[in-house]
Amino acid sequence: MASVAGFLAEPWDHAFMVRALLVSVMSGVVCGVVGVFVVLRGMAFIGDAVAHAVFPGVAIAFVLHVDLVLGGAVAGLATALAIALVAQNRRLKEDTVIGVFFAAAFGLGIVVLSSAPGYSGSLESFLFGQILGISTRDVWTVAVAGALLLLATGALHRPLVAVTLDRETARAAGLPVMALDLALYAMVTVAIVISLQAVGNILVLALLITPAACARLLTDRLWVMTLLAPAIGAGSSLVGLYLSYGLNLAAGGLIVLVATGVFVLCAVLGPRHGLVGRRRRTSAASDPDPVAVPAGTAG
């Protein structure tokens, strides 16, 4: 027991681990909250598109010697805005528009990258995360941006839910559907950008989608889902980082693998929507009631 307590306490003796733990947990919470709306709207593709859309922004920021996170945020927001505007044309499905801008953004990033020799080292940390290299300034940036994002989510919660569940009814009720779409895309972008240092550009989609998918399998209540998703995201980030510290393996990958493990457990053992729960209900529905008395035999 003492050795377990020592292992749990040891990372907190190192400043770099404290910063990493704080950022990973905050990223898990923020992505979990925003991910609820992404999962309910079936918008996993937009998360992937925005995650890759920050790529040219980071490349341009590197060439211009400005902050990489700022460059990624500007590029991600610009792409999200373009997607939201073009997607209002109902002639095209939203996933088609996302696919077009996803490919265009990544193509631009490759072109910019080819003009910037020496970028490969920074690119690796961007793609796979650099959570152990996080500075105190990064911690404060994630904390402030995350707090503002959570406040915005709380303020827009009811109209976002209305648009998520039934866009046409929300439009008929007078809600500004396009503005709410833009707000959601911007929220997804901010959540992704502040999580890049924790898990990297390649894996950030998992932090956005997987905890919310777990919560979707565990409950039918939206408010419970909104609490479960950030808890699962934060817990997966914390456990993954501890495993990374103990096993000396990549933190971002382990965070995602822990979250995926939780998803598998929910998919199999979920009391209502898991494979086991559904099989039990099916068996109960098909088996005759052993204490039922056949009609006409009483008396």
C-alpha atoms as a PDB file:
ATOM      1  CA  MET A   1       0.000   0.000   0.000  1.00  0.00           C
ATOM      2  CA  ALA A   2       2.839   2.361   0.841  1.00  0.00           C
ATOM      3  CA  SER A   3       4.502   1.692  -2.512  1.00  0.00           C
ATOM      4  CA  VAL A   4       1.268   2.525  -4.353  1.00  0.00           C
ATOM      5  CA  ALA A   5       0.885   5.750  -2.380  1.00  0.00           C
ATOM      6  CA  GLY A   6       4.511   6.583  -3.116  1.00  0.00           C
ATOM      7  CA  PHE A   7       3.999   6.018  -6.847  1.00  0.00           C
ATOM      8  CA  LEU A   8       0.894   8.229  -6.873  1.00  0.00           C
ATOM      9  CA  ALA A   9       2.693  11.012  -5.001  1.00  0.00           C
ATOM     10  CA  GLU A  10       6.053  10.830  -6.781  1.00  0.00           C
ATOM     11  CA  PRO A  11       5.088  12.701 -10.006  1.00  0.00           C
ATOM     12  CA  TRP A  12       3.967  15.682  -7.922  1.00  0.00           C
ATOM     13  CA  ASP A  13       7.563  16.143  -6.777  1.00  0.00           C
ATOM     14  CA  HIS A  14       8.527  17.223 -10.305  1.00  0.00           C
ATOM     15  CA  ALA A  15       7.406  20.595 -11.602  1.00  0.00           C
ATOM     16  CA  PHE A  16       7.205  19.394 -15.200  1.00  0.00           C
ATOM     17  CA  MET A  17       4.886  16.539 -14.166  1.00  0.00           C
ATOM     18  CA  VAL A  18       2.654  18.868 -12.170  1.00  0.00           C
ATOM     19  CA  ARG A  19       2.259  21.090 -15.242  1.00  0.00           C
ATOM     20  CA  ALA A  20       1.607  18.052 -17.431  1.00  0.00           C
ATOM     21  CA  LEU A  21      -1.004  16.656 -15.023  1.00  0.00           C
ATOM     22  CA  LEU A  22      -2.814  19.986 -14.792  1.00  0.00           C
ATOM     23  CA  VAL A  23      -2.947  20.498 -18.557  1.00  0.00           C
ATOM     24  CA  SER A  24      -3.945  16.913 -19.312  1.00  0.00           C
ATOM     25  CA  VAL A  25      -6.828  16.984 -16.810  1.00  0.00           C
ATOM     26  CA  MET A  26      -8.019  20.403 -17.992  1.00  0.00           C
ATOM     27  CA  SER A  27      -7.880  19.226 -21.598  1.00  0.00           C
ATOM     28  CA  GLY A  28      -9.869  16.128 -20.699  1.00  0.00           C
ATOM     29  CA  VAL A  29     -12.572  18.193 -18.995  1.00  0.00           C
ATOM     30  CA  VAL A  30     -12.893  20.753 -21.793  1.00  0.00           C
ATOM     31  CA  CYS A  31     -12.906  18.170 -24.587  1.00  0.00           C
ATOM     32  CA  GLY A  32     -15.399  16.061 -22.661  1.00  0.00           C
ATOM     33  CA  VAL A  33     -17.903  18.905 -22.327  1.00  0.00           C
ATOM     34  CA  VAL A  34     -17.634  20.073 -25.938  1.00  0.00           C
ATOM     35  CA  GLY A  35     -17.500  16.482 -27.184  1.00  0.00           C
ATOM     36  CA  VAL A  36     -21.040  15.857 -25.897  1.00  0.00           C
ATOM     37  CA  PHE A  37     -22.463  18.179 -28.571  1.00  0.00           C
ATOM     38  CA  VAL A  38     -20.130  16.777 -31.222  1.00  0.00           C
ATOM     39  CA  VAL A  39     -21.266  13.201 -30.535  1.00  0.00           C
ATOM     40  CA  LEU A  40     -24.965  14.057 -30.291  1.00  0.00           C
ATOM     41  CA  ARG A  41     -24.835  15.860 -33.646  1.00  0.00           C
ATOM     42  CA  GLY A  42     -22.782  13.139 -35.291  1.00  0.00           C
ATOM     43  CA  MET A  43     -20.040  15.688 -36.022  1.00  0.00           C
ATOM     44  CA  ALA A  44     -16.961  13.550 -35.387  1.00  0.00           C
ATOM     45  CA  PHE A  45     -15.729  14.487 -38.853  1.00  0.00           C
ATOM     46  CA  ILE A  46     -15.716  18.214 -37.993  1.00  0.00           C
ATOM     47  CA  GLY A  47     -13.439  17.460 -35.068  1.00  0.00           C
ATOM     48  CA  ASP A  48     -11.042  15.666 -37.389  1.00  0.00           C
ATOM     49  CA  ALA A  49     -11.237  18.474 -39.933  1.00  0.00           C
ATOM     50  CA  VAL A  50     -10.527  21.203 -37.380  1.00  0.00           C
ATOM     51  CA  ALA A  51      -7.692  19.167 -35.868  1.00  0.00           C
ATOM     52  CA  HIS A  52      -6.039  19.022 -39.275  1.00  0.00           C
ATOM     53  CA  ALA A  53      -7.028  22.573 -40.177  1.00  0.00           C
ATOM     54  CA  VAL A  54      -4.714  23.938 -37.495  1.00  0.00           C
ATOM     55  CA  PHE A  55      -1.814  22.316 -39.352  1.00  0.00           C
ATOM     56  CA  PRO A  56      -1.294  25.110 -41.928  1.00  0.00           C
ATOM     57  CA  GLY A  57      -1.667  27.722 -39.189  1.00  0.00           C
ATOM     58  CA  VAL A  58       1.104  26.135 -37.188  1.00  0.00           C
ATOM     59  CA  ALA A  59       3.313  25.885 -40.277  1.00  0.00           C
ATOM     60  CA  ILE A  60       2.724  29.537 -41.182  1.00  0.00           C
ATOM     61  CA  ALA A  61       3.349  30.605 -37.581  1.00  0.00           C
ATOM     62  CA  PHE A  62       6.659  28.722 -37.633  1.00  0.00           C
ATOM     63  CA  VAL A  63       7.743  30.444 -40.841  1.00  0.00           C
ATOM     64  CA  LEU A  64       6.775  33.870 -39.427  1.00  0.00           C
ATOM     65  CA  HIS A  65       8.334  33.096 -36.010  1.00  0.00           C
ATOM     66  CA  VAL A  66       5.128  33.719 -34.064  1.00  0.00           C
ATOM     67  CA  ASP A  67       3.320  31.611 -31.449  1.00  0.00           C
ATOM     68  CA  LEU A  68       2.434  28.196 -32.903  1.00  0.00           C
ATOM     69  CA  VAL A  69      -0.715  27.763 -30.806  1.00  0.00           C
ATOM     70  CA  LEU A  70      -1.991  31.183 -31.869  1.00  0.00           C
ATOM     71  CA  GLY A  71      -1.344  30.332 -35.510  1.00  0.00           C
ATOM     72  CA  GLY A  72      -3.153  27.029 -35.157  1.00  0.00           C
ATOM     73  CA  ALA A  73      -6.129  28.667 -33.442  1.00  0.00           C
ATOM     74  CA  VAL A  74      -6.514  31.302 -36.175  1.00  0.00           C
ATOM     75  CA  ALA A  75      -6.345  28.671 -38.930  1.00  0.00           C
ATOM     76  CA  GLY A  76      -8.758  26.370 -37.136  1.00  0.00           C
ATOM     77  CA  LEU A  77     -11.292  29.133 -36.513  1.00  0.00           C
ATOM     78  CA  ALA A  78     -11.042  30.345 -40.120  1.00  0.00           C
ATOM     79  CA  THR A  79     -11.656  26.831 -41.439  1.00  0.00           C
ATOM     80  CA  ALA A  80     -14.534  26.247 -39.016  1.00  0.00           C
ATOM     81  CA  LEU A  81     -16.108  29.549 -40.094  1.00  0.00           C
ATOM     82  CA  ALA A  82     -15.790  28.623 -43.771  1.00  0.00           C
ATOM     83  CA  ILE A  83     -17.356  25.200 -43.146  1.00  0.00           C
ATOM     84  CA  ALA A  84     -20.264  26.663 -41.186  1.00  0.00           C
ATOM     85  CA  LEU A  85     -21.007  29.274 -43.860  1.00  0.00           C
ATOM     86  CA  VAL A  86     -20.852  26.912 -46.835  1.00  0.00           C
ATOM     87  CA  ALA A  87     -22.760  24.174 -44.974  1.00  0.00           C
ATOM     88  CA  GLN A  88     -25.787  26.491 -44.760  1.00  0.00           C
ATOM     89  CA  ASN A  89     -26.349  25.622 -48.424  1.00  0.00           C
ATOM     90  CA  ARG A  90     -28.515  22.546 -47.918  1.00  0.00           C
ATOM     91  CA  ARG A  91     -27.635  21.355 -51.422  1.00  0.00           C
ATOM     92  CA  LEU A  92     -24.471  19.888 -49.924  1.00  0.00           C
ATOM     93  CA  LYS A  93     -24.331  17.673 -46.858  1.00  0.00           C
ATOM     94  CA  GLU A  94     -22.237  18.937 -43.985  1.00  0.00           C
ATOM     95  CA  ASP A  95     -19.764  16.054 -44.177  1.00  0.00           C
ATOM     96  CA  THR A  96     -19.117  16.848 -47.856  1.00  0.00           C
ATOM     97  CA  VAL A  97     -18.250  20.465 -47.067  1.00  0.00           C
ATOM     98  CA  ILE A  98     -16.056  19.332 -44.176  1.00  0.00           C
ATOM     99  CA  GLY A  99     -14.218  16.919 -46.452  1.00  0.00           C
ATOM    100  CA  VAL A 100     -13.450  19.657 -48.978  1.00  0.00           C
ATOM    101  CA  PHE A 101     -12.007  22.073 -46.420  1.00  0.00           C
ATOM    102  CA  PHE A 102     -10.265  19.292 -44.500  1.00  0.00           C
ATOM    103  CA  ALA A 103      -8.282  18.302 -47.598  1.00  0.00           C
ATOM    104  CA  ALA A 104      -7.630  21.921 -48.606  1.00  0.00           C
ATOM    105  CA  ALA A 105      -6.279  22.876 -45.173  1.00  0.00           C
ATOM    106  CA  PHE A 106      -4.004  19.878 -44.997  1.00  0.00           C
ATOM    107  CA  GLY A 107      -2.778  20.505 -48.545  1.00  0.00           C
ATOM    108  CA  LEU A 108      -1.945  24.115 -47.652  1.00  0.00           C
ATOM    109  CA  GLY A 109      -0.036  22.913 -44.608  1.00  0.00           C
ATOM    110  CA  ILE A 110       2.067  20.563 -46.719  1.00  0.00           C
ATOM    111  CA  VAL A 111       2.872  23.355 -49.195  1.00  0.00           C
ATOM    112  CA  VAL A 112       3.891  25.739 -46.415  1.00  0.00           C
ATOM    113  CA  LEU A 113       5.892  22.994 -44.720  1.00  0.00           C
ATOM    114  CA  SER A 114       7.840  22.295 -47.887  1.00  0.00           C
ATOM    115  CA  SER A 115       9.052  25.920 -47.879  1.00  0.00           C
ATOM    116  CA  ALA A 116      10.272  25.766 -44.281  1.00  0.00           C
ATOM    117  CA  PRO A 117      13.346  23.550 -43.892  1.00  0.00           C
ATOM    118  CA  GLY A 118      14.114  22.633 -40.317  1.00  0.00           C
ATOM    119  CA  TYR A 119      10.466  22.402 -39.318  1.00  0.00           C
ATOM    120  CA  SER A 120      10.469  18.621 -38.813  1.00  0.00           C
ATOM    121  CA  GLY A 121      11.456  18.754 -35.141  1.00  0.00           C
ATOM    122  CA  SER A 122       8.685  21.140 -34.204  1.00  0.00           C
ATOM    123  CA  LEU A 123       6.319  19.186 -36.429  1.00  0.00           C
ATOM    124  CA  GLU A 124       6.933  16.001 -34.454  1.00  0.00           C
ATOM    125  CA  SER A 125       6.026  17.659 -31.149  1.00  0.00           C
ATOM    126  CA  PHE A 126       2.951  19.159 -32.787  1.00  0.00           C
ATOM    127  CA  LEU A 127       1.786  15.834 -34.247  1.00  0.00           C
ATOM    128  CA  PHE A 128       2.405  13.691 -31.168  1.00  0.00           C
ATOM    129  CA  GLY A 129       2.217  16.194 -28.315  1.00  0.00           C
ATOM    130  CA  GLN A 130       4.853  17.591 -25.980  1.00  0.00           C
ATOM    131  CA  ILE A 131       3.093  17.433 -22.651  1.00  0.00           C
ATOM    132  CA  LEU A 132       6.271  17.002 -20.606  1.00  0.00           C
ATOM    133  CA  GLY A 133       7.664  20.198 -22.113  1.00  0.00           C
ATOM    134  CA  ILE A 134       4.747  22.409 -21.099  1.00  0.00           C
ATOM    135  CA  SER A 135       5.653  25.734 -19.508  1.00  0.00           C
ATOM    136  CA  THR A 136       3.903  27.600 -16.715  1.00  0.00           C
ATOM    137  CA  ARG A 137       2.651  30.063 -19.306  1.00  0.00           C
ATOM    138  CA  ASP A 138       1.070  27.187 -21.237  1.00  0.00           C
ATOM    139  CA  VAL A 139      -0.714  26.015 -18.085  1.00  0.00           C
ATOM    140  CA  TRP A 140      -2.220  29.452 -17.533  1.00  0.00           C
ATOM    141  CA  THR A 141      -3.178  29.736 -21.209  1.00  0.00           C
ATOM    142  CA  VAL A 142      -5.023  26.406 -21.104  1.00  0.00           C
ATOM    143  CA  ALA A 143      -6.654  27.287 -17.766  1.00  0.00           C
ATOM    144  CA  VAL A 144      -7.952  30.684 -18.933  1.00  0.00           C
ATOM    145  CA  ALA A 145      -9.044  29.470 -22.385  1.00  0.00           C
ATOM    146  CA  GLY A 146     -10.653  26.383 -20.893  1.00  0.00           C
ATOM    147  CA  ALA A 147     -12.543  28.396 -18.256  1.00  0.00           C
ATOM    148  CA  LEU A 148     -13.847  30.840 -20.871  1.00  0.00           C
ATOM    149  CA  LEU A 149     -14.903  27.945 -23.084  1.00  0.00           C
ATOM    150  CA  LEU A 150     -16.785  26.238 -20.249  1.00  0.00           C
ATOM    151  CA  LEU A 151     -18.528  29.525 -19.389  1.00  0.00           C
ATOM    152  CA  ALA A 152     -19.554  29.953 -23.035  1.00  0.00           C
ATOM    153  CA  THR A 153     -20.821  26.378 -23.122  1.00  0.00           C
ATOM    154  CA  GLY A 154     -22.903  26.978 -20.014  1.00  0.00           C
ATOM    155  CA  ALA A 155     -24.349  30.201 -21.405  1.00  0.00           C
ATOM    156  CA  LEU A 156     -25.279  28.594 -24.740  1.00  0.00           C
ATOM    157  CA  HIS A 157     -26.258  25.193 -23.349  1.00  0.00           C
ATOM    158  CA  ARG A 158     -30.017  25.283 -23.930  1.00  0.00           C
ATOM    159  CA  PRO A 159     -29.993  26.710 -27.494  1.00  0.00           C
ATOM    160  CA  LEU A 160     -27.121  24.392 -28.444  1.00  0.00           C
ATOM    161  CA  VAL A 161     -29.118  21.412 -27.183  1.00  0.00           C
ATOM    162  CA  ALA A 162     -32.159  22.567 -29.157  1.00  0.00           C
ATOM    163  CA  VAL A 163     -30.168  22.890 -32.392  1.00  0.00           C
ATOM    164  CA  THR A 164     -28.380  19.605 -31.731  1.00  0.00           C
ATOM    165  CA  LEU A 165     -31.579  17.607 -31.242  1.00  0.00           C
ATOM    166  CA  ASP A 166     -33.754  19.191 -33.966  1.00  0.00           C
ATOM    167  CA  ARG A 167     -32.381  21.920 -36.225  1.00  0.00           C
ATOM    168  CA  GLU A 168     -35.622  22.581 -38.092  1.00  0.00           C
ATOM    169  CA  THR A 169     -37.693  22.935 -34.923  1.00  0.00           C
ATOM    170  CA  ALA A 170     -35.035  25.235 -33.476  1.00  0.00           C
ATOM    171  CA  ARG A 171     -35.119  27.365 -36.627  1.00  0.00           C
ATOM    172  CA  ALA A 172     -38.923  27.511 -36.508  1.00  0.00           C
ATOM    173  CA  ALA A 173     -38.701  28.622 -32.875  1.00  0.00           C
ATOM    174  CA  GLY A 174     -36.615  31.603 -33.957  1.00  0.00           C
ATOM    175  CA  LEU A 175     -33.217  30.420 -32.739  1.00  0.00           C
ATOM    176  CA  PRO A 176     -30.206  31.738 -34.722  1.00  0.00           C
ATOM    177  CA  VAL A 177     -29.154  28.322 -36.044  1.00  0.00           C
ATOM    178  CA  MET A 178     -26.260  29.590 -38.169  1.00  0.00           C
ATOM    179  CA  ALA A 179     -24.826  31.654 -35.308  1.00  0.00           C
ATOM    180  CA  LEU A 180     -25.088  28.652 -32.993  1.00  0.00           C
ATOM    181  CA  ASP A 181     -23.334  26.488 -35.588  1.00  0.00           C
ATOM    182  CA  LEU A 182     -20.519  29.023 -35.736  1.00  0.00           C
ATOM    183  CA  ALA A 183     -20.322  29.091 -31.951  1.00  0.00           C
ATOM    184  CA  LEU A 184     -20.113  25.296 -31.752  1.00  0.00           C
ATOM    185  CA  TYR A 185     -17.418  25.120 -34.433  1.00  0.00           C
ATOM    186  CA  ALA A 186     -15.441  27.797 -32.601  1.00  0.00           C
ATOM    187  CA  MET A 187     -15.799  25.874 -29.335  1.00  0.00           C
ATOM    188  CA  VAL A 188     -14.560  22.683 -31.001  1.00  0.00           C
ATOM    189  CA  THR A 189     -11.581  24.589 -32.403  1.00  0.00           C
ATOM    190  CA  VAL A 190     -10.592  26.056 -29.032  1.00  0.00           C
ATOM    191  CA  ALA A 191     -10.970  22.683 -27.298  1.00  0.00           C
ATOM    192  CA  ILE A 192      -8.740  21.053 -29.893  1.00  0.00           C
ATOM    193  CA  VAL A 193      -6.086  23.763 -29.865  1.00  0.00           C
ATOM    194  CA  ILE A 194      -5.674  23.777 -26.077  1.00  0.00           C
ATOM    195  CA  SER A 195      -5.385  19.973 -26.102  1.00  0.00           C
ATOM    196  CA  LEU A 196      -2.738  19.727 -28.819  1.00  0.00           C
ATOM    197  CA  GLN A 197       0.167  19.800 -26.391  1.00  0.00           C
ATOM    198  CA  ALA A 198      -1.351  16.984 -24.345  1.00  0.00           C
ATOM    199  CA  VAL A 199      -1.990  14.392 -27.063  1.00  0.00           C
ATOM    200  CA  GLY A 200      -0.884  15.989 -30.324  1.00  0.00           C
ATOM    201  CA  ASN A 201      -2.673  16.747 -33.576  1.00  0.00           C
ATOM    202  CA  ILE A 202      -3.074  13.115 -34.621  1.00  0.00           C
ATOM    203  CA  LEU A 203      -4.730  11.885 -31.409  1.00  0.00           C
ATOM    204  CA  VAL A 204      -6.669  14.952 -30.272  1.00  0.00           C
ATOM    205  CA  LEU A 205      -9.866  13.745 -31.959  1.00  0.00           C
ATOM    206  CA  ALA A 206      -9.945  10.768 -29.588  1.00  0.00           C
ATOM    207  CA  LEU A 207      -9.926  13.069 -26.549  1.00  0.00           C
ATOM    208  CA  LEU A 208     -12.830  15.000 -28.056  1.00  0.00           C
ATOM    209  CA  ILE A 209     -14.960  12.020 -29.126  1.00  0.00           C
ATOM    210  CA  THR A 210     -14.188   8.957 -26.997  1.00  0.00           C
ATOM    211  CA  PRO A 211     -15.193  10.220 -23.507  1.00  0.00           C
ATOM    212  CA  ALA A 212     -18.473  11.609 -24.877  1.00  0.00           C
ATOM    213  CA  ALA A 213     -19.117   8.316 -26.701  1.00  0.00           C
ATOM    214  CA  CYS A 214     -18.544   6.448 -23.417  1.00  0.00           C
ATOM    215  CA  ALA A 215     -21.054   8.684 -21.653  1.00  0.00           C
ATOM    216  CA  ARG A 216     -23.554   8.174 -24.483  1.00  0.00           C
ATOM    217  CA  LEU A 217     -23.389   4.423 -23.862  1.00  0.00           C
ATOM    218  CA  LEU A 218     -23.943   4.832 -20.128  1.00  0.00           C
ATOM    219  CA  THR A 219     -26.911   7.189 -19.935  1.00  0.00           C
ATOM    220  CA  ASP A 220     -29.940   8.551 -21.779  1.00  0.00           C
ATOM    221  CA  ARG A 221     -29.964  11.778 -19.769  1.00  0.00           C
ATOM    222  CA  LEU A 222     -28.191  14.738 -21.324  1.00  0.00           C
ATOM    223  CA  TRP A 223     -27.203  16.385 -18.044  1.00  0.00           C
ATOM    224  CA  VAL A 224     -25.697  13.105 -16.790  1.00  0.00           C
ATOM    225  CA  MET A 225     -23.835  12.716 -20.071  1.00  0.00           C
ATOM    226  CA  THR A 226     -22.492  16.255 -19.695  1.00  0.00           C
ATOM    227  CA  LEU A 227     -21.053  15.309 -16.299  1.00  0.00           C
ATOM    228  CA  LEU A 228     -19.780  11.849 -17.230  1.00  0.00           C
ATOM    229  CA  ALA A 229     -17.915  12.838 -20.404  1.00  0.00           C
ATOM    230  CA  PRO A 230     -15.521  15.364 -18.772  1.00  0.00           C
ATOM    231  CA  ALA A 231     -15.032  13.008 -15.808  1.00  0.00           C
ATOM    232  CA  ILE A 232     -14.026  10.191 -18.156  1.00  0.00           C
ATOM    233  CA  GLY A 233     -11.821  12.532 -20.188  1.00  0.00           C
ATOM    234  CA  ALA A 234     -10.051  13.887 -17.119  1.00  0.00           C
ATOM    235  CA  GLY A 235      -9.689  10.433 -15.569  1.00  0.00           C
ATOM    236  CA  SER A 236      -8.281   8.935 -18.769  1.00  0.00           C
ATOM    237  CA  SER A 237      -5.795  11.797 -19.057  1.00  0.00           C
ATOM    238  CA  LEU A 238      -4.680  11.363 -15.456  1.00  0.00           C
ATOM    239  CA  VAL A 239      -4.303   7.572 -15.650  1.00  0.00           C
ATOM    240  CA  GLY A 240      -2.584   7.750 -19.035  1.00  0.00           C
ATOM    241  CA  LEU A 241      -0.063  10.268 -17.778  1.00  0.00           C
ATOM    242  CA  TYR A 242       0.685   8.181 -14.685  1.00  0.00           C
ATOM    243  CA  LEU A 243       1.233   5.129 -16.903  1.00  0.00           C
ATOM    244  CA  SER A 244       3.506   7.204 -19.121  1.00  0.00           C
ATOM    245  CA  TYR A 245       5.548   8.241 -16.097  1.00  0.00           C
ATOM    246  CA  GLY A 246       5.815   4.695 -14.759  1.00  0.00           C
ATOM    247  CA  LEU A 247       6.415   2.902 -18.066  1.00  0.00           C
ATOM    248  CA  ASN A 248       8.413   5.638 -19.829  1.00  0.00           C
ATOM    249  CA  LEU A 249       6.124   5.507 -22.866  1.00  0.00           C
ATOM    250  CA  ALA A 250       4.407   8.168 -24.966  1.00  0.00           C
ATOM    251  CA  ALA A 251       1.917  10.117 -22.860  1.00  0.00           C
ATOM    252  CA  GLY A 252      -0.475  11.093 -25.663  1.00  0.00           C
ATOM    253  CA  GLY A 253      -0.819   7.550 -26.938  1.00  0.00           C
ATOM    254  CA  LEU A 254      -1.421   6.123 -23.463  1.00  0.00           C
ATOM    255  CA  ILE A 255      -4.069   8.744 -22.669  1.00  0.00           C
ATOM    256  CA  VAL A 256      -5.949   7.763 -25.815  1.00  0.00           C
ATOM    257  CA  LEU A 257      -5.536   4.037 -25.136  1.00  0.00           C
ATOM    258  CA  VAL A 258      -6.916   4.415 -21.609  1.00  0.00           C
ATOM    259  CA  ALA A 259      -9.938   6.309 -22.952  1.00  0.00           C
ATOM    260  CA  THR A 260     -10.417   3.630 -25.604  1.00  0.00           C
ATOM    261  CA  GLY A 261     -10.251   0.931 -22.922  1.00  0.00           C
ATOM    262  CA  VAL A 262     -13.017   2.709 -21.014  1.00  0.00           C
ATOM    263  CA  PHE A 263     -15.052   2.858 -24.220  1.00  0.00           C
ATOM    264  CA  VAL A 264     -14.682  -0.897 -24.771  1.00  0.00           C
ATOM    265  CA  LEU A 265     -15.826  -1.567 -21.197  1.00  0.00           C
ATOM    266  CA  CYS A 266     -18.844   0.700 -21.676  1.00  0.00           C
ATOM    267  CA  ALA A 267     -19.707  -0.928 -25.001  1.00  0.00           C
ATOM    268  CA  VAL A 268     -19.581  -4.411 -23.457  1.00  0.00           C
ATOM    269  CA  LEU A 269     -20.738  -3.894 -19.868  1.00  0.00           C
ATOM    270  CA  GLY A 270     -22.953  -0.807 -20.129  1.00  0.00           C
ATOM    271  CA  PRO A 271     -26.079  -1.506 -18.040  1.00  0.00           C
ATOM    272  CA  ARG A 272     -28.523  -0.341 -20.714  1.00  0.00           C
ATOM    273  CA  HIS A 273     -26.744   0.069 -24.045  1.00  0.00           C
ATOM    274  CA  GLY A 274     -23.835  -2.350 -23.597  1.00  0.00           C
ATOM    275  CA  LEU A 275     -23.778  -5.775 -25.237  1.00  0.00           C
ATOM    276  CA  VAL A 276     -24.369  -7.571 -21.928  1.00  0.00           C
ATOM    277  CA  GLY A 277     -27.247  -5.330 -20.869  1.00  0.00           C
ATOM    278  CA  ARG A 278     -28.973  -5.607 -24.235  1.00  0.00           C
ATOM    279  CA  ARG A 279     -28.595  -9.395 -24.248  1.00  0.00           C
ATOM    280  CA  ARG A 280     -30.130  -9.633 -20.782  1.00  0.00           C
ATOM    281  CA  ARG A 281     -33.117  -7.554 -21.827  1.00  0.00           C
ATOM    282  CA  THR A 282     -33.573  -9.641 -24.960  1.00  0.00           C
ATOM    283  CA  SER A 283     -33.453 -12.868 -22.923  1.00  0.00           C
ATOM    284  CA  ALA A 284     -35.903 -11.517 -20.364  1.00  0.00           C
ATOM    285  CA  ALA A 285     -38.314 -10.492 -23.116  1.00  0.00           C
ATOM    286  CA  SER A 286     -38.164 -13.889 -24.872  1.00  0.00           C
ATOM    287  CA  ASP A 287     -38.414 -16.156 -21.769  1.00  0.00           C
ATOM    288  CA  PRO A 288     -41.934 -16.964 -20.556  1.00  0.00           C
ATOM    289  CA  ASP A 289     -42.841 -15.843 -17.043  1.00  0.00           C
ATOM    290  CA  PRO A 290     -42.303 -18.934 -14.878  1.00  0.00           C
ATOM    291  CA  VAL A 291     -44.969 -17.891 -12.377  1.00  0.00           C
ATOM    292  CA  ALA A 292     -47.611 -16.882 -14.891  1.00  0.00           C
ATOM    293  CA  VAL A 293     -50.864 -18.924 -14.760  1.00  0.00           C
ATOM    294  CA  PRO A 294     -52.201 -19.870 -18.217  1.00  0.00           C
ATOM    295  CA  ALA A 295     -55.563 -18.307 -19.003  1.00  0.00           C
ATOM    296  CA  GLY A 296     -58.575 -20.544 -18.284  1.00  0.00           C
ATOM    297  CA  THR A 297     -56.816 -22.815 -15.776  1.00  0.00           C
ATOM    298  CA  ALA A 298     -57.578 -20.856 -12.599  1.00  0.00           C
ATOM    299  CA  GLY A 299     -60.248 -22.029 -10.190  1.00  0.00           C
END
